[in-house]
Amino acid sequence: MPPLPKGNKGLGGLGGVGGVGGVFDLSTLRQPAVTIDPEDLGYVITQENLISELLPASNDAVAIILCWSPRSMQAQSLIPMMRQFNRDDATAEGDPTWIFGTVNVDAEPAVAKALQVQSVPLAIAIIQEQLVPLFESVPPAEQVRAVITKVLELAAQKGLGAAPTDADDGIPSESPLEPEEELALAALEQGDLLAAKSAYESWINRAPGTNLAQLGLIQVELMIRTDGLNFDQVIKDADAHLDDLDLQLRAADCEIAQGDFDASSSRLLIALKSLSGDDQKRARDHLLLIFSMIDPADPRLAKARQMLASTLF
């Protein structure tokens, strides 16, 4: 791939097209915190080089960029994963076949605005200066790999680069998915959350105990509960009406969907102190659901469990 060229092209010609549907990836909350190697950030995008370098470069190679924030553990978890896929797709000589770029939306608010970033993580492909939204979540690694492969295949059809192939037999690489998972992802692309939920439930019925299916169901159920909500407004309203349990549960969902376990669990722990009877059970059950989204070895979970025990007993 040639070095990033210089140029002076604006964003006027960029238009988003239908991307690959995604879900909030709670699996990353079940993993330890990520330490980011600066080398994994790839091509760090700024307001200056987005227009002058990255857009022109997308005429020679596909650019796949990740919008992230230091405040989001979920977004950070994608950085080393996508960087590794970028390295895996290098030529035999070690040259990259596509550009991996990252945008720290906290440091580059103008870029975030230009890319219409509403939440992180958000992955976008740029093919010949055209934006292609990919996912605004953290899918499992095999799904991220499949999405990148599809993007490269699409670009190859447009004469830009070549689709990745298996190093052993030259067959285009594919990430096999379970049939129910394919149905769920197809439903998510169409925005049909209930169909996606049904697909994950069918997968669990066929193969009980499948961790990926269970996480998928939890994610979709969270999407259903938060569908159409303005997260910032819900959290603001909940903070102003601490005695409204429905609001507290919705706000906790919004916070965990953003990857903020501390805020979500603390909110429900505080609510539990003033509740009793059915309301207390409802809040406790919701809190236990939040707990199920976290790595069992995470010290934050142990602390939250201790606080729950002291509140109830």
Protein backbone atom coordinates (compact mmCIF):
# COMPACT_ATOMS: atom_id res chain seq x y z
CA MET A 1 0.00 0.00 0.00
CA PRO A 2 1.41 3.44 -0.90
CA PRO A 3 2.04 5.99 1.85
CA LEU A 4 -0.80 8.30 2.72
CA PRO A 5 -0.86 10.98 0.02
CA LYS A 6 -1.46 14.66 0.51
CA GLY A 7 -4.47 16.41 -0.89
CA ASN A 8 -7.28 18.85 -0.13
CA LYS A 9 -10.64 17.17 -0.46
CA GLY A 10 -13.64 17.95 1.71
CA LEU A 11 -16.33 15.81 3.25
CA GLY A 12 -19.03 17.05 0.92
CA GLY A 13 -18.96 13.91 -1.21
CA LEU A 14 -19.21 11.53 1.71
CA GLY A 15 -22.51 9.80 2.31
CA GLY A 16 -23.30 7.00 4.70
CA VAL A 17 -24.80 3.82 3.28
CA GLY A 18 -26.40 0.89 5.02
CA GLY A 19 -23.98 -0.84 7.34
CA VAL A 20 -23.86 -4.05 9.31
CA GLY A 21 -26.19 -4.09 12.28
CA GLY A 22 -24.68 -4.52 15.72
CA VAL A 23 -25.52 -4.91 19.35
CA PHE A 24 -24.07 -3.59 22.56
CA ASP A 25 -21.25 -6.02 23.18
CA LEU A 26 -21.40 -6.87 26.85
CA SER A 27 -18.80 -9.61 26.46
CA THR A 28 -16.07 -7.00 26.74
CA LEU A 29 -17.37 -6.06 30.19
CA ARG A 30 -16.54 -9.62 31.17
CA GLN A 31 -12.90 -9.12 30.30
CA PRO A 32 -10.12 -7.37 32.26
CA ALA A 33 -9.38 -3.73 31.51
CA VAL A 34 -7.43 -3.13 28.30
CA THR A 35 -3.98 -1.57 28.22
CA ILE A 36 -3.51 0.11 24.85
CA ASP A 37 -0.18 -0.12 23.09
CA PRO A 38 0.33 3.14 21.13
CA GLU A 39 1.40 0.99 18.18
CA ASP A 40 -2.08 -0.56 18.14
CA LEU A 41 -3.70 2.80 17.45
CA GLY A 42 -2.61 2.54 13.84
CA TYR A 43 -3.12 5.74 11.85
CA VAL A 44 -4.24 8.30 14.46
CA ILE A 45 -6.79 10.56 12.81
CA THR A 46 -6.99 14.28 13.50
CA GLN A 47 -9.00 17.15 12.10
CA GLU A 48 -6.04 18.07 9.92
CA ASN A 49 -5.12 14.71 8.40
CA LEU A 50 -8.67 13.41 7.89
CA ILE A 51 -9.23 15.71 4.93
CA SER A 52 -5.70 16.12 3.63
CA GLU A 53 -4.47 12.53 3.92
CA LEU A 54 -6.98 9.84 4.88
CA LEU A 55 -9.74 10.62 2.38
CA PRO A 56 -7.37 10.72 -0.62
CA ALA A 57 -5.69 7.55 0.62
CA SER A 58 -9.04 5.74 0.55
CA ASN A 59 -8.87 5.87 -3.25
CA ASP A 60 -5.86 3.55 -3.11
CA ALA A 61 -6.73 1.32 -0.14
CA VAL A 62 -9.73 0.68 2.07
CA ALA A 63 -9.63 2.63 5.32
CA ILE A 64 -11.36 1.12 8.34
CA ILE A 65 -11.50 3.47 11.27
CA LEU A 66 -12.55 2.99 14.87
CA CYS A 67 -14.02 5.87 16.86
CA TRP A 68 -13.26 5.35 20.54
CA SER A 69 -12.95 7.09 23.88
CA PRO A 70 -10.66 6.53 26.87
CA ARG A 71 -13.87 6.54 28.93
CA SER A 72 -15.21 3.42 27.21
CA MET A 73 -13.62 0.07 28.10
CA GLN A 74 -15.76 -1.52 25.40
CA ALA A 75 -14.38 0.78 22.72
CA GLN A 76 -10.80 0.30 23.92
CA SER A 77 -11.14 -3.49 23.72
CA LEU A 78 -11.66 -3.25 19.95
CA ILE A 79 -8.38 -1.47 19.27
CA PRO A 80 -5.91 -4.37 19.66
CA MET A 81 -8.38 -6.77 18.05
CA MET A 82 -8.80 -4.72 14.87
CA ARG A 83 -5.10 -3.87 14.75
CA GLN A 84 -4.29 -7.58 14.82
CA PHE A 85 -6.67 -8.23 11.93
CA ASN A 86 -4.93 -5.41 10.08
CA ARG A 87 -1.59 -7.15 10.63
CA ASP A 88 -3.04 -10.55 9.69
CA ASP A 89 -4.09 -9.17 6.30
CA ALA A 90 -0.64 -7.78 5.45
CA THR A 91 1.13 -8.94 2.30
CA ALA A 92 3.93 -11.51 2.38
CA GLU A 93 6.33 -8.57 2.47
CA GLY A 94 4.62 -7.20 5.56
CA ASP A 95 2.89 -4.27 3.87
CA PRO A 96 -0.65 -3.45 5.04
CA THR A 97 -3.45 -4.14 2.56
CA TRP A 98 -5.88 -1.75 4.27
CA ILE A 99 -5.54 1.27 6.51
CA PHE A 100 -6.48 0.91 10.16
CA GLY A 101 -7.19 4.30 11.71
CA THR A 102 -8.45 5.40 15.11
CA VAL A 103 -10.22 8.53 16.32
CA ASN A 104 -10.18 9.52 19.99
CA VAL A 105 -13.50 11.38 19.99
CA ASP A 106 -12.66 13.16 23.25
CA ALA A 107 -9.48 14.60 21.74
CA GLU A 108 -10.97 15.21 18.29
CA PRO A 109 -14.56 16.49 18.71
CA ALA A 110 -14.52 18.11 15.26
CA VAL A 111 -13.72 14.77 13.62
CA ALA A 112 -16.42 13.08 15.68
CA LYS A 113 -18.91 15.67 14.49
CA ALA A 114 -17.83 15.32 10.85
CA LEU A 115 -18.26 11.53 11.07
CA GLN A 116 -21.60 11.94 12.87
CA VAL A 117 -20.45 9.91 15.85
CA GLN A 118 -23.25 9.66 18.41
CA SER A 119 -21.77 6.96 20.61
CA VAL A 120 -18.64 4.83 20.86
CA PRO A 121 -17.42 2.45 19.79
CA LEU A 122 -18.24 3.14 16.15
CA ALA A 123 -16.48 1.50 13.20
CA ILE A 124 -16.62 3.06 9.75
CA ALA A 125 -15.07 2.04 6.44
CA ILE A 126 -14.03 4.62 3.88
CA ILE A 127 -13.96 3.31 0.32
CA GLN A 128 -13.01 5.80 -2.37
CA GLU A 129 -14.06 8.67 -0.08
CA GLN A 130 -17.44 7.11 0.68
CA LEU A 131 -18.42 6.36 4.27
CA VAL A 132 -19.73 2.88 5.02
CA PRO A 133 -20.98 2.48 8.64
CA LEU A 134 -20.02 -0.95 9.97
CA PHE A 135 -21.04 -1.36 13.59
CA GLU A 136 -21.64 0.78 16.66
CA SER A 137 -20.99 -1.87 19.23
CA VAL A 138 -18.43 -4.51 20.08
CA PRO A 139 -19.37 -7.73 18.29
CA PRO A 140 -17.42 -10.90 19.10
CA ALA A 141 -14.06 -11.20 17.36
CA GLU A 142 -15.31 -13.63 14.72
CA GLN A 143 -18.06 -11.20 13.72
CA VAL A 144 -15.61 -8.29 13.49
CA ARG A 145 -13.40 -10.47 11.30
CA ALA A 146 -16.39 -11.35 9.09
CA VAL A 147 -17.37 -7.69 8.73
CA ILE A 148 -13.84 -6.65 7.72
CA THR A 149 -13.70 -9.49 5.19
CA LYS A 150 -17.01 -8.40 3.66
CA VAL A 151 -15.80 -4.81 3.40
CA LEU A 152 -12.62 -5.88 1.63
CA GLU A 153 -14.62 -8.10 -0.71
CA LEU A 154 -16.94 -5.17 -1.51
CA ALA A 155 -13.96 -2.92 -2.21
CA ALA A 156 -12.35 -5.60 -4.40
CA GLN A 157 -15.53 -5.70 -6.50
CA LYS A 158 -15.05 -1.97 -7.04
CA GLY A 159 -11.48 -2.59 -8.15
CA LEU A 160 -9.91 -1.47 -4.90
CA GLY A 161 -7.52 -4.04 -3.43
CA ALA A 162 -8.26 -7.75 -3.19
CA ALA A 163 -10.42 -9.89 -0.92
CA PRO A 164 -8.44 -11.64 1.84
CA THR A 165 -7.63 -15.30 1.18
CA ASP A 166 -6.66 -18.24 3.31
CA ALA A 167 -2.90 -18.53 3.33
CA ASP A 168 -3.01 -22.30 2.76
CA ASP A 169 -5.44 -22.82 -0.09
CA GLY A 170 -6.21 -19.40 -1.53
CA ILE A 171 -9.91 -19.69 -0.69
CA PRO A 172 -11.53 -16.43 0.45
CA SER A 173 -11.55 -16.46 4.23
CA GLU A 174 -14.86 -16.77 6.03
CA SER A 175 -15.85 -16.86 9.67
CA PRO A 176 -18.40 -19.64 10.18
CA LEU A 177 -21.45 -18.63 12.16
CA GLU A 178 -24.11 -20.77 13.77
CA PRO A 179 -27.38 -20.72 11.76
CA GLU A 180 -29.26 -19.00 14.58
CA GLU A 181 -26.48 -16.43 14.85
CA GLU A 182 -26.80 -15.68 11.14
CA LEU A 183 -30.55 -15.25 11.58
CA ALA A 184 -29.99 -12.95 14.56
CA LEU A 185 -27.47 -10.78 12.71
CA ALA A 186 -29.71 -10.59 9.65
CA ALA A 187 -32.60 -9.50 11.87
CA LEU A 188 -30.42 -6.86 13.52
CA GLU A 189 -29.46 -5.49 10.11
CA GLN A 190 -33.18 -5.03 9.46
CA GLY A 191 -33.70 -3.50 12.88
CA ASP A 192 -35.97 -6.39 13.92
CA LEU A 193 -34.97 -6.81 17.56
CA LEU A 194 -37.74 -9.27 18.39
CA ALA A 195 -36.67 -11.60 15.56
CA ALA A 196 -33.07 -11.38 16.75
CA LYS A 197 -34.18 -12.23 20.29
CA SER A 198 -36.10 -15.23 18.99
CA ALA A 199 -33.06 -16.45 17.04
CA TYR A 200 -30.82 -16.31 20.12
CA GLU A 201 -33.48 -18.10 22.18
CA SER A 202 -33.65 -20.84 19.54
CA TRP A 203 -29.86 -21.19 19.69
CA ILE A 204 -29.99 -21.55 23.47
CA ASN A 205 -32.78 -24.14 23.21
CA ARG A 206 -30.71 -26.15 20.72
CA ALA A 207 -27.42 -25.79 22.58
CA PRO A 208 -28.03 -24.88 26.24
CA GLY A 209 -25.07 -23.31 27.99
CA THR A 210 -23.62 -21.71 24.85
CA ASN A 211 -21.95 -18.58 26.24
CA LEU A 212 -22.07 -16.60 22.98
CA ALA A 213 -25.78 -17.29 22.56
CA GLN A 214 -26.51 -16.23 26.13
CA LEU A 215 -24.51 -13.03 25.73
CA GLY A 216 -26.25 -12.34 22.43
CA LEU A 217 -29.64 -12.71 24.09
CA ILE A 218 -28.64 -10.42 26.97
CA GLN A 219 -27.43 -7.84 24.46
CA VAL A 220 -30.57 -7.93 22.35
CA GLU A 221 -32.81 -7.74 25.41
CA LEU A 222 -30.84 -4.69 26.50
CA MET A 223 -31.31 -3.17 23.05
CA ILE A 224 -35.06 -3.80 23.28
CA ARG A 225 -35.24 -2.12 26.69
CA THR A 226 -33.24 0.91 25.55
CA ASP A 227 -34.63 1.18 22.01
CA GLY A 228 -35.47 4.78 21.20
CA LEU A 229 -34.21 6.17 24.50
CA ASN A 230 -32.13 9.33 24.71
CA PHE A 231 -29.47 8.04 27.10
CA ASP A 232 -28.34 11.42 28.37
CA GLN A 233 -31.91 12.57 29.01
CA VAL A 234 -32.92 9.34 30.75
CA ILE A 235 -29.91 9.53 33.08
CA LYS A 236 -30.59 13.21 33.77
CA ASP A 237 -34.25 12.49 34.57
CA ALA A 238 -33.31 9.57 36.81
CA ASP A 239 -30.85 11.72 38.74
CA ALA A 240 -33.61 14.26 39.31
CA HIS A 241 -36.19 11.67 40.45
CA LEU A 242 -34.37 9.16 42.62
CA ASP A 243 -37.67 7.77 43.97
CA ASP A 244 -38.85 6.66 40.51
CA LEU A 245 -37.81 3.00 40.21
CA ASP A 246 -38.76 2.69 36.54
CA LEU A 247 -36.48 5.61 35.75
CA GLN A 248 -33.65 4.13 37.80
CA LEU A 249 -33.86 0.81 35.93
CA ARG A 250 -33.91 2.55 32.54
CA ALA A 251 -30.96 4.73 33.50
CA ALA A 252 -29.01 1.70 34.75
CA ASP A 253 -29.63 0.04 31.38
CA CYS A 254 -28.40 3.13 29.54
CA GLU A 255 -25.26 3.25 31.66
CA ILE A 256 -24.35 -0.41 31.22
CA ALA A 257 -25.05 -0.11 27.49
CA GLN A 258 -22.39 2.61 27.47
CA GLY A 259 -19.99 0.28 29.27
CA ASP A 260 -20.19 2.10 32.61
CA PHE A 261 -20.63 -0.71 35.13
CA ASP A 262 -19.75 1.46 38.11
CA ALA A 263 -22.49 4.01 37.39
CA SER A 264 -25.08 1.36 36.56
CA SER A 265 -24.47 -0.82 39.64
CA SER A 266 -24.08 2.14 42.01
CA ARG A 267 -27.40 3.57 40.87
CA LEU A 268 -29.25 0.36 41.71
CA LEU A 269 -27.40 -0.17 44.97
CA ILE A 270 -28.46 3.31 46.09
CA ALA A 271 -32.05 2.65 45.01
CA LEU A 272 -32.14 -0.63 46.94
CA LYS A 273 -31.47 1.12 50.25
CA SER A 274 -34.86 2.86 50.18
CA LEU A 275 -36.91 -0.01 48.72
CA SER A 276 -38.74 -2.96 50.21
CA GLY A 277 -41.03 -5.78 49.12
CA ASP A 278 -41.64 -6.32 45.41
CA ASP A 279 -39.84 -3.12 44.42
CA GLN A 280 -36.70 -4.23 46.24
CA LYS A 281 -36.84 -7.64 44.55
CA ARG A 282 -37.29 -5.99 41.17
CA ALA A 283 -34.27 -3.75 41.68
CA ARG A 284 -32.18 -6.62 43.06
CA ASP A 285 -33.01 -8.88 40.11
CA HIS A 286 -32.08 -6.10 37.69
CA LEU A 287 -28.81 -5.55 39.53
CA LEU A 288 -28.00 -9.27 39.31
CA LEU A 289 -28.59 -9.03 35.56
CA ILE A 290 -26.07 -6.19 35.44
CA PHE A 291 -23.66 -8.37 37.44
CA SER A 292 -23.96 -11.15 34.83
CA MET A 293 -22.46 -8.82 32.24
CA ILE A 294 -19.14 -8.51 34.07
CA ASP A 295 -16.09 -10.76 34.25
CA PRO A 296 -16.54 -12.80 37.46
CA ALA A 297 -12.91 -12.04 38.38
CA ASP A 298 -13.35 -8.28 38.03
CA PRO A 299 -12.65 -6.68 41.45
CA ARG A 300 -15.45 -4.16 40.83
CA LEU A 301 -17.92 -7.03 40.81
CA ALA A 302 -16.70 -8.42 44.13
CA LYS A 303 -17.03 -4.98 45.71
CA ALA A 304 -20.52 -4.49 44.29
CA ARG A 305 -21.61 -7.92 45.55
CA GLN A 306 -20.37 -7.04 49.04
CA MET A 307 -22.35 -3.79 48.94
CA LEU A 308 -25.45 -5.68 47.80
CA ALA A 309 -25.11 -8.15 50.66
CA SER A 310 -24.72 -5.36 53.23
CA THR A 311 -27.77 -3.56 51.79
CA LEU A 312 -30.01 -6.63 51.90
CA PHE A 313 -28.76 -8.24 55.11
